[in-house]
Each structure stands twice: as C-alpha cells, then as structure tokens.
Amino acid sequence: MLKEFKEFAMKGNLVDIAVAFVMGAAFNKVVASFTGGIISPLVGLIFKSDFKDLKYVITEGATNDAGEVVGEVAILYGDFLTNVIDFIIVAFVMFMVIKGINKMKKKEEPAPAAPAGPSQEDLLAEIRDLLKKQ
C-alpha cells in the first residue's frame, strides 16, 4: 500500500489529482476539527498543555495593559505539527478514494484479447509449400 501511495503521489494522472484536490479541500474542515478537537487534546495530555499552543520561546515578550504578550518571538511547533497531521490524514483518505476508483476502473475494462492468427513460422512454412508446388 505504501508503494502504491508513493506512485500515486509521484505520477498521478490529471483526473486523479483534480478529484483529490476538490475532495481534499471539502474534507479539510472535517479533518481540521477532528485533529483540533480530538487528536490535539489527547496528544496534549502528554505535554500537559494544549497541543496547538506548544511553542519554543526565543525571546520573551512583555505584557501590556490589556494583558496581552507583546514582542514575543517564538517557534510555534504545536500548530505546525497539527497542520502536518491534518495533511497526512487528508492525503491518506484521498489516496484510498483514488485507489478505490482505480480498482473499479480496472474491473470495468476487460483486457483486450490477443489477436488469433498464424505465427510467423506458420506463414513462412505456408509460403515455402506454395513455392514448392509451382
């Protein structure tokens, strides 16, 4: 299955890509809510915080009068990982959809039968026999 996924990702035809794009865009909100509402809290239990809010602070910021942190420089790796998980889920589901479509296409199209006829050796033998009769 991983080999098929690699082949799909590397050389899918235009129809496969178009279907995956349209369905992936529509499916993205469902996956984002699944990841944000179910996966992130479960993974967040490991880190004892909200998974999307995980970050590495490079420079501390100051708190202003409204209670907001201003001037903080941080790498938001929790949000990035959430988006990576979203992408993997969408890509895998689209792969499974296209795999199912391709499987149905293969069943619908019967393999063309090889043309029946004499082989090259048979034709040469027939020509030889005809030349002997003359």
Protein backbone atom coordinates (compact mmCIF):
# COMPACT_ATOMS: atom_id res chain seq x y z
CA MET A 1 0.00 0.00 0.00
CA LEU A 2 2.87 2.40 0.76
CA LYS A 3 4.39 1.65 -2.65
CA GLU A 4 1.07 2.49 -4.35
CA PHE A 5 0.81 5.70 -2.31
CA LYS A 6 4.32 6.72 -3.42
CA GLU A 7 3.44 6.00 -7.08
CA PHE A 8 0.19 7.97 -6.74
CA ALA A 9 1.95 10.95 -5.19
CA MET A 10 4.73 10.95 -7.79
CA LYS A 11 2.84 10.38 -11.05
CA GLY A 12 -0.94 10.50 -10.61
CA ASN A 13 -2.87 11.46 -13.70
CA LEU A 14 -4.72 14.76 -14.05
CA VAL A 15 -8.17 13.38 -13.19
CA ASP A 16 -6.86 11.74 -10.03
CA ILE A 17 -5.20 14.96 -8.94
CA ALA A 18 -8.28 17.09 -9.72
CA VAL A 19 -10.59 14.78 -7.78
CA ALA A 20 -8.19 14.63 -4.86
CA PHE A 21 -7.86 18.43 -4.82
CA VAL A 22 -11.60 19.14 -4.82
CA MET A 23 -12.46 16.46 -2.29
CA GLY A 24 -9.45 17.30 -0.16
CA ALA A 25 -10.49 20.95 0.05
CA ALA A 26 -14.01 19.95 1.11
CA PHE A 27 -12.75 17.31 3.54
CA ASN A 28 -10.15 19.61 5.12
CA LYS A 29 -12.56 21.26 7.59
CA VAL A 30 -13.72 17.89 8.88
CA VAL A 31 -10.13 16.76 9.37
CA ALA A 32 -9.14 20.07 10.99
CA SER A 33 -11.95 19.77 13.52
CA PHE A 34 -11.06 16.11 14.16
CA THR A 35 -7.40 16.97 14.71
CA GLY A 36 -8.10 20.10 16.76
CA GLY A 37 -10.91 18.61 18.85
CA ILE A 38 -9.81 15.01 19.34
CA ILE A 39 -6.16 14.38 18.39
CA SER A 40 -4.65 17.58 19.82
CA PRO A 41 -6.17 17.23 23.31
CA LEU A 42 -5.06 13.59 23.52
CA VAL A 43 -1.51 14.41 22.46
CA GLY A 44 -1.65 17.50 24.68
CA LEU A 45 -2.08 15.21 27.69
CA ILE A 46 1.49 14.06 27.11
CA PHE A 47 2.82 17.63 27.18
CA LYS A 48 0.38 18.81 29.88
CA SER A 49 -0.84 21.67 27.70
CA ASP A 50 -2.92 22.37 24.62
CA PHE A 51 -1.08 20.77 21.70
CA LYS A 52 -1.74 23.66 19.32
CA ASP A 53 -0.24 26.15 21.79
CA LEU A 54 3.11 24.36 22.10
CA LYS A 55 5.96 26.70 21.24
CA TYR A 56 9.63 27.32 21.79
CA VAL A 57 10.14 30.88 23.03
CA ILE A 58 13.24 32.51 21.61
CA THR A 59 12.73 35.98 23.10
CA GLU A 60 10.35 36.67 25.98
CA GLY A 61 7.73 39.33 25.43
CA ALA A 62 6.27 41.91 27.77
CA THR A 63 2.69 42.05 28.98
CA ASN A 64 0.81 45.24 28.02
CA ASP A 65 -2.07 46.93 29.86
CA ALA A 66 -4.65 44.65 28.18
CA GLY A 67 -2.86 41.53 29.46
CA GLU A 68 -1.57 40.52 26.03
CA VAL A 69 2.01 39.39 25.47
CA VAL A 70 3.72 41.79 23.06
CA GLY A 71 7.12 41.39 21.40
CA GLU A 72 7.47 37.66 21.96
CA VAL A 73 9.45 35.73 19.35
CA ALA A 74 8.59 32.03 19.34
CA ILE A 75 8.59 28.96 17.11
CA LEU A 76 5.02 27.60 17.05
CA TYR A 77 5.79 23.93 16.53
CA GLY A 78 2.49 22.69 18.01
CA ASP A 79 0.45 24.46 15.34
CA PHE A 80 2.84 23.18 12.65
CA LEU A 81 2.53 19.58 13.87
CA THR A 82 -1.27 19.90 13.91
CA ASN A 83 -1.21 21.02 10.27
CA VAL A 84 1.13 18.15 9.35
CA ILE A 85 -1.27 15.66 10.96
CA ASP A 86 -4.17 17.27 9.04
CA PHE A 87 -2.25 16.91 5.77
CA ILE A 88 -1.35 13.26 6.39
CA ILE A 89 -4.97 12.36 7.18
CA VAL A 90 -6.34 14.17 4.10
CA ALA A 91 -3.65 12.73 1.81
CA PHE A 92 -4.26 9.19 3.05
CA VAL A 93 -8.05 9.42 2.69
CA MET A 94 -7.72 10.85 -0.83
CA PHE A 95 -5.29 8.05 -1.68
CA MET A 96 -7.81 5.46 -0.51
CA VAL A 97 -10.59 7.13 -2.56
CA ILE A 98 -8.49 7.18 -5.73
CA LYS A 99 -7.33 3.62 -5.09
CA GLY A 100 -10.98 2.54 -4.91
CA ILE A 101 -11.83 4.42 -8.11
CA ASN A 102 -8.88 2.86 -9.94
CA LYS A 103 -9.88 -0.59 -8.71
CA MET A 104 -13.39 -0.10 -10.08
CA LYS A 105 -11.99 1.12 -13.42
CA LYS A 106 -9.84 -1.99 -13.75
CA LYS A 107 -12.85 -4.26 -13.20
CA GLU A 108 -14.95 -2.43 -15.81
CA GLU A 109 -12.38 -2.60 -18.59
CA PRO A 110 -11.88 -6.17 -19.87
CA ALA A 111 -8.42 -6.93 -21.15
CA PRO A 112 -8.29 -6.99 -24.95
CA ALA A 113 -7.83 -10.47 -26.34
CA ALA A 114 -4.66 -11.20 -28.26
CA PRO A 115 -5.37 -11.45 -31.98
CA ALA A 116 -5.57 -15.07 -33.04
CA GLY A 117 -3.72 -15.98 -36.16
CA PRO A 118 -0.86 -17.98 -37.54
CA SER A 119 2.60 -17.35 -36.21
CA GLN A 120 5.45 -16.11 -38.36
CA GLU A 121 6.81 -19.66 -38.67
CA ASP A 122 3.43 -20.93 -39.89
CA LEU A 123 3.26 -18.21 -42.56
CA LEU A 124 6.81 -18.96 -43.75
CA ALA A 125 6.05 -22.68 -43.93
CA GLU A 126 2.92 -21.93 -45.98
CA ILE A 127 4.90 -19.73 -48.38
CA ARG A 128 7.53 -22.44 -48.73
CA ASP A 129 4.90 -25.07 -49.52
CA LEU A 130 3.28 -22.79 -52.11
CA LEU A 131 6.65 -22.19 -53.80
CA LYS A 132 7.32 -25.93 -53.93
CA LYS A 133 4.01 -26.52 -55.76
CA GLN A 134 4.94 -24.12 -58.55
